[in-house]
Amino acid sequence: MATIFTKIIEGEIPCHKVAETDEHLAFLDINPIAEGHTLVVPKQEVDYFFDLPEDLMQRTMKFSRTIARAIDGALDPLRTGIIVQGLEVPHAHVHLIPLYELHQTMALGHNVSVGEERMKELAERINREVRV
């Protein structure tokens, strides 16, 4: 059975797309812990991040760096943090979280409310900064 991320990748479920390549999709998290919280997902469905083929894992981290730099350029956080937890969806993925305050909580489940129009605006702003 396909994961929710595979359904997003295949266009069955809508998302606020930030960037896409042949191998990866980056989109805003619908339960963000900060404005601009972005998921980077390899299109190959692998449950556990550390089970990704080594070359794909390296390309996933390189793409994550590209997206983090776009977040930095678009939203001007102090920096962008990263979480690779992998328990909430059985499909390898990286959380990129803009950190706007020195002691900002960076924990999944500590969500902030971001409206639909703001999500669209954030995705567009980050997308404009992507240099793939």
Protein backbone atom coordinates (compact mmCIF):
# COMPACT_ATOMS: atom_id res chain seq x y z
CA MET A 1 0.00 0.00 0.00
CA ALA A 2 1.36 3.39 -0.99
CA THR A 3 2.31 5.85 1.75
CA ILE A 4 0.73 9.28 1.98
CA PHE A 5 4.01 10.67 0.61
CA THR A 6 3.83 8.41 -2.44
CA LYS A 7 0.27 9.61 -3.00
CA ILE A 8 1.50 13.22 -2.79
CA ILE A 9 4.37 12.44 -5.19
CA GLU A 10 1.92 10.85 -7.65
CA GLY A 11 -0.41 13.85 -7.42
CA GLU A 12 -3.26 11.95 -5.75
CA ILE A 13 -3.09 14.27 -2.73
CA PRO A 14 -2.36 17.99 -3.14
CA CYS A 15 0.58 19.72 -1.49
CA HIS A 16 2.30 23.07 -1.31
CA LYS A 17 5.24 22.13 -3.54
CA VAL A 18 8.53 23.89 -2.93
CA ALA A 19 10.69 22.03 -5.48
CA GLU A 20 10.87 18.80 -7.43
CA THR A 21 13.50 16.79 -9.27
CA ASP A 22 13.38 13.36 -10.89
CA GLU A 23 14.29 11.81 -7.52
CA HIS A 24 12.89 14.13 -4.85
CA LEU A 25 9.93 16.27 -3.85
CA ALA A 26 10.05 19.09 -1.31
CA PHE A 27 6.78 20.44 0.06
CA LEU A 28 5.47 22.26 3.11
CA ASP A 29 4.46 20.15 6.10
CA ILE A 30 0.70 20.42 6.75
CA ASN A 31 1.41 20.26 10.51
CA PRO A 32 4.35 22.66 10.71
CA ILE A 33 6.36 23.38 13.82
CA ALA A 34 7.37 26.73 12.27
CA GLU A 35 6.33 28.74 9.23
CA GLY A 36 8.18 27.29 6.25
CA HIS A 37 8.63 23.79 7.75
CA THR A 38 9.43 21.73 4.65
CA LEU A 39 9.62 18.01 3.99
CA VAL A 40 12.15 16.55 1.58
CA VAL A 41 11.07 13.15 0.33
CA PRO A 42 12.87 10.78 -2.03
CA LYS A 43 10.40 9.50 -4.60
CA GLN A 44 11.63 5.96 -4.04
CA GLU A 45 9.48 4.58 -1.23
CA VAL A 46 11.77 3.24 1.49
CA ASP A 47 10.49 3.05 5.06
CA TYR A 48 13.64 3.73 7.11
CA PHE A 49 15.96 6.58 6.18
CA PHE A 50 19.06 4.53 6.90
CA ASP A 51 17.84 1.79 4.55
CA LEU A 52 18.06 4.16 1.58
CA PRO A 53 20.72 3.10 -0.91
CA GLU A 54 23.86 5.04 0.02
CA ASP A 55 23.98 7.06 -3.19
CA LEU A 56 20.30 8.06 -2.85
CA MET A 57 20.84 9.03 0.80
CA GLN A 58 23.71 11.29 -0.26
CA ARG A 59 21.61 12.90 -3.00
CA THR A 60 18.72 13.32 -0.54
CA MET A 61 20.98 15.21 1.85
CA LYS A 62 22.40 17.31 -1.00
CA PHE A 63 18.87 18.20 -2.15
CA SER A 64 17.96 18.94 1.49
CA ARG A 65 20.88 21.39 1.66
CA THR A 66 19.62 23.09 -1.51
CA ILE A 67 16.14 23.46 0.00
CA ALA A 68 17.53 24.65 3.37
CA ARG A 69 19.49 27.36 1.60
CA ALA A 70 16.31 28.37 -0.25
CA ILE A 71 14.45 28.56 3.07
CA ASP A 72 17.27 30.69 4.49
CA GLY A 73 17.12 33.04 1.52
CA ALA A 74 13.34 33.30 1.41
CA LEU A 75 12.46 33.51 5.09
CA ASP A 76 15.63 34.83 6.78
CA PRO A 77 15.61 32.55 9.84
CA LEU A 78 18.61 32.40 12.18
CA ARG A 79 19.24 29.09 10.43
CA THR A 80 17.34 26.05 9.25
CA GLY A 81 17.31 22.99 11.49
CA ILE A 82 16.90 19.38 10.48
CA ILE A 83 15.04 16.42 11.94
CA VAL A 84 15.23 12.89 10.54
CA GLN A 85 12.87 11.03 12.85
CA GLY A 86 10.91 8.86 10.46
CA LEU A 87 8.28 7.48 12.81
CA GLU A 88 5.21 9.35 11.62
CA VAL A 89 5.17 8.15 7.98
CA PRO A 90 6.83 4.91 6.78
CA HIS A 91 8.61 6.69 3.92
CA ALA A 92 12.10 8.15 4.37
CA HIS A 93 12.03 11.93 4.68
CA VAL A 94 13.82 14.95 6.10
CA HIS A 95 12.17 17.78 8.05
CA LEU A 96 13.70 21.22 7.44
CA ILE A 97 12.58 23.71 10.08
CA PRO A 98 13.35 27.44 9.94
CA LEU A 99 14.54 28.62 13.35
CA TYR A 100 13.49 32.20 14.00
CA GLU A 101 14.42 32.43 17.70
CA LEU A 102 17.43 31.24 19.65
CA HIS A 103 15.38 28.97 21.94
CA GLN A 104 12.61 28.01 19.52
CA THR A 105 11.04 24.63 20.22
CA MET A 106 12.05 22.15 17.54
CA ALA A 107 9.98 19.08 18.23
CA LEU A 108 7.53 17.29 16.00
CA GLY A 109 4.04 17.64 17.39
CA HIS A 110 4.69 21.20 18.60
CA ASN A 111 2.65 22.67 15.77
CA VAL A 112 1.90 26.24 14.81
CA SER A 113 -1.16 27.36 12.89
CA VAL A 114 -0.51 28.51 9.33
CA GLY A 115 -3.43 29.39 7.08
CA GLU A 116 -3.88 28.13 3.53
CA GLU A 117 -3.02 31.45 1.85
CA ARG A 118 0.10 31.85 3.98
CA MET A 119 1.17 28.28 3.12
CA LYS A 120 0.81 29.10 -0.58
CA GLU A 121 2.84 32.29 -0.13
CA LEU A 122 5.59 30.50 1.81
CA ALA A 123 5.90 27.74 -0.80
CA GLU A 124 6.16 30.31 -3.59
CA ARG A 125 8.77 32.38 -1.72
CA ILE A 126 10.93 29.35 -0.98
CA ASN A 127 10.53 28.06 -4.55
CA ARG A 128 11.85 31.34 -5.96
CA GLU A 129 15.08 30.80 -4.00
CA VAL A 130 15.68 27.18 -5.08
CA ARG A 131 18.86 26.74 -7.13
CA VAL A 132 18.84 23.13 -8.33
